[in-house]
C-alpha atoms as a PDB file:
ATOM      1  CA  MET A   1      -1.777 -40.144  -6.160  1.00  0.00           C
ATOM      2  CA  GLY A   2      -2.907 -36.495  -6.691  1.00  0.00           C
ATOM      3  CA  ALA A   3      -2.920 -34.577  -9.934  1.00  0.00           C
ATOM      4  CA  CYS A   4       0.333 -32.817  -9.132  1.00  0.00           C
ATOM      5  CA  ASP A   5       2.013 -36.079  -8.055  1.00  0.00           C
ATOM      6  CA  ALA A   6       1.438 -37.459 -11.535  1.00  0.00           C
ATOM      7  CA  GLU A   7       2.809 -34.312 -13.099  1.00  0.00           C
ATOM      8  CA  SER A   8       5.959 -34.439 -10.993  1.00  0.00           C
ATOM      9  CA  THR A   9       6.909 -37.762 -12.613  1.00  0.00           C
ATOM     10  CA  ALA A  10       7.279 -36.072 -15.996  1.00  0.00           C
ATOM     11  CA  PRO A  11      10.823 -36.269 -17.374  1.00  0.00           C
ATOM     12  CA  SER A  12      13.238 -33.457 -16.557  1.00  0.00           C
ATOM     13  CA  THR A  13      15.154 -31.421 -19.081  1.00  0.00           C
ATOM     14  CA  MET A  14      18.842 -30.595 -18.754  1.00  0.00           C
ATOM     15  CA  PRO A  15      19.661 -27.076 -20.007  1.00  0.00           C
ATOM     16  CA  GLY A  16      23.172 -25.998 -20.891  1.00  0.00           C
ATOM     17  CA  ASP A  17      23.947 -24.946 -17.308  1.00  0.00           C
ATOM     18  CA  GLY A  18      23.610 -28.560 -16.092  1.00  0.00           C
ATOM     19  CA  VAL A  19      20.700 -27.935 -13.702  1.00  0.00           C
ATOM     20  CA  ALA A  20      17.787 -30.343 -14.107  1.00  0.00           C
ATOM     21  CA  THR A  21      14.479 -28.557 -14.651  1.00  0.00           C
ATOM     22  CA  PRO A  22      11.254 -30.568 -14.255  1.00  0.00           C
ATOM     23  CA  THR A  23       8.802 -30.385 -17.112  1.00  0.00           C
ATOM     24  CA  THR A  24       5.355 -29.288 -15.937  1.00  0.00           C
ATOM     25  CA  VAL A  25       2.478 -30.982 -17.687  1.00  0.00           C
ATOM     26  CA  GLY A  26      -0.472 -29.361 -15.842  1.00  0.00           C
ATOM     27  CA  ASP A  27      -1.348 -26.398 -13.679  1.00  0.00           C
ATOM     28  CA  CYS A  28      -0.823 -26.870  -9.927  1.00  0.00           C
ATOM     29  CA  THR A  29      -0.949 -23.181  -9.052  1.00  0.00           C
ATOM     30  CA  SER A  30      -3.866 -23.451  -6.629  1.00  0.00           C
ATOM     31  CA  ILE A  31      -2.318 -26.424  -4.810  1.00  0.00           C
ATOM     32  CA  ILE A  32       1.032 -24.645  -4.528  1.00  0.00           C
ATOM     33  CA  GLN A  33      -0.627 -21.446  -3.254  1.00  0.00           C
ATOM     34  CA  GLU A  34      -2.557 -23.472  -0.669  1.00  0.00           C
ATOM     35  CA  TRP A  35       0.664 -25.138   0.490  1.00  0.00           C
ATOM     36  CA  LEU A  36       2.514 -21.805   0.700  1.00  0.00           C
ATOM     37  CA  HIS A  37      -0.350 -20.272   2.691  1.00  0.00           C
ATOM     38  CA  SER A  38      -0.468 -23.186   5.160  1.00  0.00           C
ATOM     39  CA  SER A  39       3.323 -23.540   5.443  1.00  0.00           C
ATOM     40  CA  GLY A  40       3.832 -20.244   7.254  1.00  0.00           C
ATOM     41  CA  LEU A  41       6.315 -19.080   4.622  1.00  0.00           C
ATOM     42  CA  PRO A  42       6.146 -15.372   3.865  1.00  0.00           C
ATOM     43  CA  ARG A  43       3.889 -14.378   0.996  1.00  0.00           C
ATOM     44  CA  SER A  44       4.886 -11.752  -1.539  1.00  0.00           C
ATOM     45  CA  SER A  45       3.299  -8.997   0.547  1.00  0.00           C
ATOM     46  CA  ARG A  46       2.315  -9.265   4.202  1.00  0.00           C
ATOM     47  CA  VAL A  47       0.641  -6.356   5.956  1.00  0.00           C
ATOM     48  CA  ALA A  48       1.255  -5.278   9.558  1.00  0.00           C
ATOM     49  CA  ARG A  49      -1.704  -3.187  10.748  1.00  0.00           C
ATOM     50  CA  ALA A  50      -1.289  -0.242  13.161  1.00  0.00           C
ATOM     51  CA  SER A  51       2.313   0.446  12.103  1.00  0.00           C
ATOM     52  CA  ASP A  52       4.190   3.698  12.452  1.00  0.00           C
ATOM     53  CA  PRO A  53       5.291   5.102   9.082  1.00  0.00           C
ATOM     54  CA  TYR A  54       9.020   5.699   8.742  1.00  0.00           C
ATOM     55  CA  VAL A  55      11.238   6.833   5.911  1.00  0.00           C
ATOM     56  CA  GLY A  56      11.896   4.026   3.465  1.00  0.00           C
ATOM     57  CA  ASN A  57       8.929   1.799   4.223  1.00  0.00           C
ATOM     58  CA  THR A  58       5.848   1.173   2.126  1.00  0.00           C
ATOM     59  CA  VAL A  59       2.485   1.603   3.806  1.00  0.00           C
ATOM     60  CA  LEU A  60      -1.216   1.506   3.222  1.00  0.00           C
ATOM     61  CA  ILE A  61      -3.043   4.626   4.405  1.00  0.00           C
ATOM     62  CA  ILE A  62      -6.356   3.407   5.814  1.00  0.00           C
ATOM     63  CA  ASP A  63      -9.428   5.406   6.838  1.00  0.00           C
ATOM     64  CA  LYS A  64      -9.907   3.789  10.262  1.00  0.00           C
ATOM     65  CA  GLU A  65     -13.640   4.509  10.560  1.00  0.00           C
ATOM     66  CA  ARG A  66     -14.674   2.916   7.252  1.00  0.00           C
ATOM     67  CA  ASN A  67     -11.723   0.512   6.679  1.00  0.00           C
ATOM     68  CA  ARG A  68     -10.881   1.987   3.260  1.00  0.00           C
ATOM     69  CA  ALA A  69      -7.440   2.347   1.708  1.00  0.00           C
ATOM     70  CA  LEU A  70      -6.352   5.604   0.110  1.00  0.00           C
ATOM     71  CA  ALA A  71      -5.798   4.538  -3.502  1.00  0.00           C
ATOM     72  CA  CYS A  72      -4.099   6.318  -6.385  1.00  0.00           C
ATOM     73  CA  HIS A  73      -5.297   5.729  -9.943  1.00  0.00           C
ATOM     74  CA  GLU A  74      -3.362   7.776 -12.513  1.00  0.00           C
ATOM     75  CA  GLY A  75      -2.778  10.470  -9.891  1.00  0.00           C
ATOM     76  CA  ASN A  76      -6.420  10.662  -8.808  1.00  0.00           C
ATOM     77  CA  LEU A  77      -7.311   9.678  -5.245  1.00  0.00           C
ATOM     78  CA  ARG A  78     -10.175   7.564  -4.021  1.00  0.00           C
ATOM     79  CA  LEU A  79     -10.912   5.308  -1.077  1.00  0.00           C
ATOM     80  CA  GLU A  80     -11.392   1.584  -1.635  1.00  0.00           C
ATOM     81  CA  LYS A  81     -12.768  -1.015   0.775  1.00  0.00           C
ATOM     82  CA  VAL A  82      -9.923  -3.012   2.289  1.00  0.00           C
ATOM     83  CA  GLY A  83     -11.678  -6.113   3.629  1.00  0.00           C
ATOM     84  CA  ASP A  84      -9.478  -8.782   5.201  1.00  0.00           C
ATOM     85  CA  LEU A  85      -5.880  -7.963   4.262  1.00  0.00           C
ATOM     86  CA  ASP A  86      -4.651 -11.385   5.391  1.00  0.00           C
ATOM     87  CA  SER A  87      -6.782 -13.072   2.744  1.00  0.00           C
ATOM     88  CA  LEU A  88      -5.101 -11.203  -0.135  1.00  0.00           C
ATOM     89  CA  ASP A  89      -2.395 -12.985  -2.123  1.00  0.00           C
ATOM     90  CA  SER A  90      -0.877  -9.580  -2.841  1.00  0.00           C
ATOM     91  CA  VAL A  91      -1.658  -5.991  -1.954  1.00  0.00           C
ATOM     92  CA  PRO A  92      -2.894  -3.882  -4.889  1.00  0.00           C
ATOM     93  CA  VAL A  93      -0.113  -1.528  -5.974  1.00  0.00           C
ATOM     94  CA  HIS A  94      -2.477   1.470  -6.160  1.00  0.00           C
ATOM     95  CA  TRP A  95      -3.029   1.156  -2.367  1.00  0.00           C
ATOM     96  CA  GLN A  96       0.702   1.364  -1.592  1.00  0.00           C
ATOM     97  CA  TRP A  97       2.552   4.530  -0.538  1.00  0.00           C
ATOM     98  CA  PHE A  98       6.334   4.868  -0.111  1.00  0.00           C
ATOM     99  CA  CYS A  99       7.233   7.046   2.897  1.00  0.00           C
ATOM    100  CA  THR A 100       9.864   9.773   2.402  1.00  0.00           C
ATOM    101  CA  GLU A 101      11.068  12.843   4.261  1.00  0.00           C
ATOM    102  CA  THR A 102      12.251  16.243   3.029  1.00  0.00           C
ATOM    103  CA  ASP A 103      13.186  19.168   5.283  1.00  0.00           C
ATOM    104  CA  GLY A 104      11.568  17.394   8.245  1.00  0.00           C
ATOM    105  CA  PHE A 105       8.233  16.857   6.455  1.00  0.00           C
ATOM    106  CA  LYS A 106       6.802  13.444   5.624  1.00  0.00           C
ATOM    107  CA  GLY A 107       5.957  12.620   2.055  1.00  0.00           C
ATOM    108  CA  PHE A 108       3.938   9.767   0.600  1.00  0.00           C
ATOM    109  CA  ARG A 109       4.776   8.702  -2.953  1.00  0.00           C
ATOM    110  CA  SER A 110       2.328   6.460  -4.776  1.00  0.00           C
ATOM    111  CA  VAL A 111       3.973   3.174  -5.710  1.00  0.00           C
ATOM    112  CA  ALA A 112       1.520   2.931  -8.625  1.00  0.00           C
ATOM    113  CA  ASN A 113       2.511   6.114 -10.462  1.00  0.00           C
ATOM    114  CA  GLY A 114       5.341   7.806  -8.522  1.00  0.00           C
ATOM    115  CA  GLY A 115       3.325  10.942  -7.703  1.00  0.00           C
ATOM    116  CA  PHE A 116       3.410  12.475  -4.221  1.00  0.00           C
ATOM    117  CA  LEU A 117       0.295  12.973  -2.110  1.00  0.00           C
ATOM    118  CA  GLY A 118      -0.335  16.714  -2.152  1.00  0.00           C
ATOM    119  CA  HIS A 119      -2.664  19.464  -3.310  1.00  0.00           C
ATOM    120  CA  ASP A 120      -2.961  22.294  -5.803  1.00  0.00           C
ATOM    121  CA  ILE A 121      -3.588  26.005  -5.172  1.00  0.00           C
ATOM    122  CA  TRP A 122      -7.342  25.317  -4.768  1.00  0.00           C
ATOM    123  CA  TRP A 123      -6.680  22.535  -2.223  1.00  0.00           C
ATOM    124  CA  ASN A 124      -7.691  19.702  -4.539  1.00  0.00           C
ATOM    125  CA  PHE A 125      -5.738  16.650  -3.389  1.00  0.00           C
ATOM    126  CA  TYR A 126      -4.021  14.280  -5.815  1.00  0.00           C
ATOM    127  CA  ALA A 127      -0.773  12.362  -6.339  1.00  0.00           C
ATOM    128  CA  LYS A 128       0.383  13.648  -9.718  1.00  0.00           C
ATOM    129  CA  VAL A 129       3.626  15.557  -9.126  1.00  0.00           C
ATOM    130  CA  HIS A 130       6.961  13.759  -8.933  1.00  0.00           C
ATOM    131  CA  HIS A 131       8.621  16.074  -6.407  1.00  0.00           C
ATOM    132  CA  HIS A 132       8.307  16.510  -2.653  1.00  0.00           C
ATOM    133  CA  LEU A 133       7.965  20.278  -2.184  1.00  0.00           C
ATOM    134  CA  GLY A 134       5.702  22.571  -0.110  1.00  0.00           C
ATOM    135  CA  TRP A 135       2.297  21.350  -1.286  1.00  0.00           C
ATOM    136  CA  GLU A 136       3.401  17.748  -0.754  1.00  0.00           C
ATOM    137  CA  HIS A 137       4.785  18.357   2.767  1.00  0.00           C
ATOM    138  CA  ALA A 138       2.792  16.439   5.374  1.00  0.00           C
ATOM    139  CA  THR A 139       3.052  16.206   9.129  1.00  0.00           C
ATOM    140  CA  LEU A 140       1.625  13.454  11.276  1.00  0.00           C
ATOM    141  CA  SER A 141      -0.136  14.013  14.576  1.00  0.00           C
ATOM    142  CA  ARG A 142      -0.409  10.815  16.595  1.00  0.00           C
ATOM    143  CA  ARG A 143      -3.822  10.362  18.179  1.00  0.00           C
ATOM    144  CA  GLU A 144      -5.240   7.956  20.746  1.00  0.00           C
ATOM    145  CA  GLY A 145      -5.132   4.281  19.782  1.00  0.00           C
ATOM    146  CA  GLY A 146      -2.086   4.606  17.516  1.00  0.00           C
ATOM    147  CA  TYR A 147      -3.938   6.386  14.716  1.00  0.00           C
ATOM    148  CA  TYR A 148      -2.911   9.628  13.043  1.00  0.00           C
ATOM    149  CA  TRP A 149      -4.126  12.839  11.564  1.00  0.00           C
ATOM    150  CA  ILE A 150      -2.331  13.574   8.304  1.00  0.00           C
ATOM    151  CA  GLN A 151      -1.862  17.336   8.169  1.00  0.00           C
ATOM    152  CA  PHE A 152      -0.859  19.882   5.544  1.00  0.00           C
ATOM    153  CA  GLU A 153       0.174  23.477   6.160  1.00  0.00           C
ATOM    154  CA  TYR A 154      -2.378  26.155   5.315  1.00  0.00           C
ATOM    155  CA  TRP A 155      -1.066  29.698   5.835  1.00  0.00           C
ATOM    156  CA  TRP A 156       1.079  28.781   8.865  1.00  0.00           C
ATOM    157  CA  LYS A 157      -1.609  26.544  10.352  1.00  0.00           C
ATOM    158  CA  LEU A 158      -2.190  22.826   9.977  1.00  0.00           C
ATOM    159  CA  ARG A 159      -5.282  21.325   8.375  1.00  0.00           C
ATOM    160  CA  GLN A 160      -6.310  17.668   8.524  1.00  0.00           C
ATOM    161  CA  LEU A 161      -6.640  15.390   5.512  1.00  0.00           C
ATOM    162  CA  CYS A 162     -10.173  13.942   5.555  1.00  0.00           C
ATOM    163  CA  ALA A 163     -11.795  11.047   3.709  1.00  0.00           C
ATOM    164  CA  ARG A 164     -14.912  11.802   1.688  1.00  0.00           C
ATOM    165  CA  GLY A 165     -17.884   9.720   2.821  1.00  0.00           C
ATOM    166  CA  ASP A 166     -18.650   8.614  -0.744  1.00  0.00           C
ATOM    167  CA  GLY A 167     -15.050   7.443  -1.302  1.00  0.00           C
ATOM    168  CA  ASN A 168     -14.370   9.981  -4.069  1.00  0.00           C
ATOM    169  CA  GLY A 169     -11.114  11.345  -2.716  1.00  0.00           C
ATOM    170  CA  VAL A 170     -10.088  13.500   0.210  1.00  0.00           C
ATOM    171  CA  TYR A 171     -10.391  17.117   1.376  1.00  0.00           C
ATOM    172  CA  TRP A 172      -9.016  19.305   4.158  1.00  0.00           C
ATOM    173  CA  GLN A 173     -10.723  20.192   7.401  1.00  0.00           C
ATOM    174  CA  LYS A 174      -9.838  22.765  10.060  1.00  0.00           C
ATOM    175  CA  ASP A 175     -11.017  20.913  13.194  1.00  0.00           C
ATOM    176  CA  GLY A 176     -11.215  17.189  13.846  1.00  0.00           C
ATOM    177  CA  GLY A 177     -10.727  14.986  10.861  1.00  0.00           C
ATOM    178  CA  THR A 178     -10.269  11.447   9.685  1.00  0.00           C
ATOM    179  CA  LEU A 179      -8.191   9.108  11.807  1.00  0.00           C
ATOM    180  CA  TRP A 180      -5.759   7.293   9.557  1.00  0.00           C
ATOM    181  CA  GLU A 181      -4.104   3.953  10.198  1.00  0.00           C
ATOM    182  CA  PHE A 182      -0.798   3.049   8.600  1.00  0.00           C
ATOM    183  CA  ALA A 183      -0.268  -0.591   7.690  1.00  0.00           C
ATOM    184  CA  GLU A 184       3.258  -1.569   6.690  1.00  0.00           C
ATOM    185  CA  VAL A 185       3.553  -3.668   3.548  1.00  0.00           C
ATOM    186  CA  ASP A 186       6.293  -6.227   4.144  1.00  0.00           C
ATOM    187  CA  GLY A 187       8.047  -7.415   1.021  1.00  0.00           C
ATOM    188  CA  ALA A 188       6.986  -4.400  -1.043  1.00  0.00           C
ATOM    189  CA  ARG A 189       9.483  -2.832  -3.392  1.00  0.00           C
ATOM    190  CA  ASP A 190       9.839   0.833  -4.188  1.00  0.00           C
END
Protein backbone atom coordinates (compact mmCIF):
# COMPACT_ATOMS: atom_id res chain seq x y z
CA MET A 1 0.00 0.00 0.00
CA GLY A 2 1.49 3.39 -1.08
CA ALA A 3 1.59 6.57 0.95
CA CYS A 4 -1.43 8.02 -0.81
CA ASP A 5 -3.41 4.76 -0.44
CA ALA A 6 -3.11 5.07 3.32
CA GLU A 7 -4.19 8.68 3.19
CA SER A 8 -7.26 7.86 1.12
CA THR A 9 -8.61 5.72 3.98
CA ALA A 10 -8.93 8.79 6.20
CA PRO A 11 -12.52 9.51 7.23
CA SER A 12 -14.59 11.82 5.05
CA THR A 13 -16.38 14.92 6.23
CA MET A 14 -19.94 15.79 5.27
CA PRO A 15 -20.43 19.55 4.74
CA GLY A 16 -23.84 21.18 4.76
CA ASP A 17 -24.37 20.54 1.04
CA GLY A 18 -24.37 16.76 1.61
CA VAL A 19 -21.33 16.00 -0.57
CA ALA A 20 -18.70 13.82 1.11
CA THR A 21 -15.24 15.40 1.05
CA PRO A 22 -12.24 13.18 1.86
CA THR A 23 -9.88 14.46 4.52
CA THR A 24 -6.30 14.63 3.26
CA VAL A 25 -3.68 13.70 5.80
CA GLY A 26 -0.51 14.07 3.67
CA ASP A 27 0.75 15.65 0.48
CA CYS A 28 0.31 13.56 -2.69
CA THR A 29 0.86 16.43 -5.11
CA SER A 30 3.82 14.86 -6.91
CA ILE A 31 2.03 11.52 -7.32
CA ILE A 32 -1.10 13.23 -8.64
CA GLN A 33 0.93 15.36 -11.07
CA GLU A 34 2.73 12.23 -12.31
CA TRP A 35 -0.61 10.48 -12.85
CA LEU A 36 -2.09 13.48 -14.68
CA HIS A 37 0.99 13.72 -16.91
CA SER A 38 0.89 10.00 -17.79
CA SER A 39 -2.90 9.85 -18.19
CA GLY A 40 -2.99 11.99 -21.32
CA LEU A 41 -5.44 14.41 -19.70
CA PRO A 42 -4.90 18.03 -20.68
CA ARG A 43 -2.66 20.05 -18.39
CA SER A 44 -3.47 23.60 -17.40
CA SER A 45 -1.52 24.98 -20.36
CA ARG A 46 -0.44 23.00 -23.42
CA VAL A 47 1.59 24.66 -26.15
CA ALA A 48 1.22 24.02 -29.89
CA ARG A 49 4.43 25.11 -31.65
CA ALA A 50 4.41 26.65 -35.15
CA SER A 51 0.87 28.03 -34.81
CA ASP A 52 -0.64 30.90 -36.73
CA PRO A 53 -1.71 33.76 -34.45
CA TYR A 54 -5.37 34.73 -34.71
CA VAL A 55 -7.56 37.20 -32.88
CA GLY A 56 -8.59 35.87 -29.50
CA ASN A 57 -5.85 33.32 -28.93
CA THR A 58 -2.93 33.48 -26.54
CA VAL A 59 0.52 32.84 -27.96
CA LEU A 60 4.16 32.73 -27.10
CA ILE A 61 6.35 34.82 -29.41
CA ILE A 62 9.57 32.84 -29.85
CA ASP A 63 12.87 33.91 -31.41
CA LYS A 64 13.30 30.88 -33.69
CA GLU A 65 17.09 31.10 -33.98
CA ARG A 66 17.83 31.11 -30.24
CA ASN A 67 14.63 29.46 -28.89
CA ARG A 68 13.82 32.39 -26.58
CA ALA A 69 10.38 33.68 -25.63
CA LEU A 70 9.59 37.38 -25.76
CA ALA A 71 8.79 38.12 -22.11
CA CYS A 72 7.19 41.15 -20.48
CA HIS A 73 8.19 42.15 -16.95
CA GLU A 74 6.39 45.28 -15.74
CA GLY A 75 6.18 46.53 -19.33
CA ASN A 76 9.86 45.92 -20.09
CA LEU A 77 10.77 43.36 -22.75
CA ARG A 78 13.44 40.71 -22.66
CA LEU A 79 14.04 37.31 -24.21
CA GLU A 80 14.11 34.22 -22.00
CA LYS A 81 15.29 30.71 -22.86
CA VAL A 82 12.31 28.47 -23.54
CA GLY A 83 13.77 24.98 -23.20
CA ASP A 84 11.36 22.06 -23.58
CA LEU A 85 7.84 23.50 -23.40
CA ASP A 86 6.30 20.04 -22.97
CA SER A 87 8.14 19.58 -19.68
CA LEU A 88 6.57 22.68 -18.09
CA ASP A 89 3.62 22.21 -15.74
CA SER A 90 2.44 25.68 -16.75
CA VAL A 91 3.63 28.40 -19.09
CA PRO A 92 4.97 31.51 -17.33
CA VAL A 93 2.42 34.31 -17.64
CA HIS A 94 5.07 36.87 -18.63
CA TRP A 95 5.73 34.82 -21.82
CA GLN A 96 2.07 34.94 -22.90
CA TRP A 97 0.60 37.42 -25.41
CA PHE A 98 -3.11 37.81 -26.25
CA CYS A 99 -3.66 38.45 -29.97
CA THR A 100 -6.01 41.30 -30.97
CA GLU A 101 -6.81 43.27 -34.10
CA THR A 102 -7.68 46.94 -34.62
CA ASP A 103 -8.22 48.58 -38.02
CA GLY A 104 -6.69 45.53 -39.73
CA PHE A 105 -3.49 45.61 -37.63
CA LYS A 106 -2.46 42.85 -35.24
CA GLY A 107 -1.84 43.68 -31.63
CA PHE A 108 -0.18 41.65 -28.89
CA ARG A 109 -1.26 42.39 -25.31
CA SER A 110 0.87 41.04 -22.49
CA VAL A 111 -1.14 38.67 -20.31
CA ALA A 112 1.17 39.59 -17.42
CA ASN A 113 0.45 43.33 -17.29
CA GLY A 114 -2.12 44.17 -20.00
CA GLY A 115 0.25 46.42 -21.98
CA PHE A 116 0.45 46.21 -25.77
CA LEU A 117 3.68 45.45 -27.62
CA GLY A 118 4.69 48.74 -29.22
CA HIS A 119 7.26 51.52 -29.24
CA ASP A 120 7.76 55.14 -28.26
CA ILE A 121 8.79 58.10 -30.44
CA TRP A 122 12.47 57.02 -30.19
CA TRP A 123 11.61 53.44 -31.26
CA ASN A 124 12.23 51.90 -27.85
CA PHE A 125 10.01 48.82 -27.65
CA TYR A 126 7.97 47.96 -24.57
CA ALA A 127 4.52 46.75 -23.50
CA LYS A 128 3.38 49.51 -21.16
CA VAL A 129 0.38 51.19 -22.81
CA HIS A 130 -3.11 49.76 -22.44
CA HIS A 131 -4.43 50.80 -25.86
CA HIS A 132 -3.93 49.45 -29.37
CA LEU A 133 -3.18 52.56 -31.45
CA GLY A 134 -0.62 53.47 -34.15
CA TRP A 135 2.60 52.66 -32.28
CA GLU A 136 1.14 49.31 -31.22
CA HIS A 137 -0.04 48.35 -34.74
CA ALA A 138 1.83 45.31 -36.04
CA THR A 139 1.68 43.42 -39.30
CA LEU A 140 2.89 39.89 -39.86
CA SER A 141 4.82 38.75 -42.91
CA ARG A 142 4.83 34.97 -43.24
CA ARG A 143 8.23 33.59 -44.18
CA GLU A 144 9.48 30.17 -45.27
CA GLY A 145 8.95 27.36 -42.77
CA GLY A 146 5.87 28.91 -41.14
CA TYR A 147 7.80 31.62 -39.30
CA TYR A 148 7.06 35.34 -39.35
CA TRP A 149 8.55 38.77 -39.38
CA ILE A 150 6.73 41.04 -36.95
CA GLN A 151 6.65 44.48 -38.56
CA PHE A 152 5.83 48.01 -37.45
CA GLU A 153 5.20 51.00 -39.69
CA TYR A 154 7.99 53.56 -39.94
CA TRP A 155 7.08 56.57 -42.10
CA TRP A 156 4.96 54.54 -44.55
CA LYS A 157 7.45 51.67 -44.66
CA LEU A 158 7.62 48.50 -42.61
CA ARG A 159 10.48 47.66 -40.26
CA GLN A 160 11.12 44.27 -38.67
CA LEU A 161 11.10 43.59 -34.94
CA CYS A 162 14.46 42.01 -34.04
CA ALA A 163 15.70 40.16 -30.97
CA ARG A 164 18.80 41.51 -29.26
CA GLY A 165 21.58 38.91 -29.10
CA ASP A 166 22.09 39.49 -25.37
CA GLY A 167 18.37 38.99 -24.63
CA ASN A 168 17.86 42.55 -23.36
CA GLY A 169 14.82 43.40 -25.44
CA VAL A 170 14.13 44.06 -29.10
CA TYR A 171 14.86 46.71 -31.73
CA TRP A 172 13.82 47.49 -35.30
CA GLN A 173 15.73 46.68 -38.45
CA LYS A 174 15.22 47.82 -42.04
CA ASP A 175 16.31 44.66 -43.90
CA GLY A 176 16.14 41.04 -42.80
CA GLY A 177 15.31 40.48 -39.19
CA THR A 178 14.44 37.91 -36.59
CA LEU A 179 12.21 35.03 -37.60
CA TRP A 180 9.52 34.63 -34.97
CA GLU A 181 7.54 31.51 -34.17
CA PHE A 182 4.11 31.69 -32.61
CA ALA A 183 3.16 28.91 -30.21
CA GLU A 184 -0.48 28.77 -29.16
CA VAL A 185 -1.11 28.36 -25.45
CA ASP A 186 -4.08 26.03 -25.05
CA GLY A 187 -6.06 26.53 -21.87
CA ALA A 188 -4.76 30.06 -21.31
CA ARG A 189 -7.16 32.72 -20.12
CA ASP A 190 -7.16 36.36 -21.09
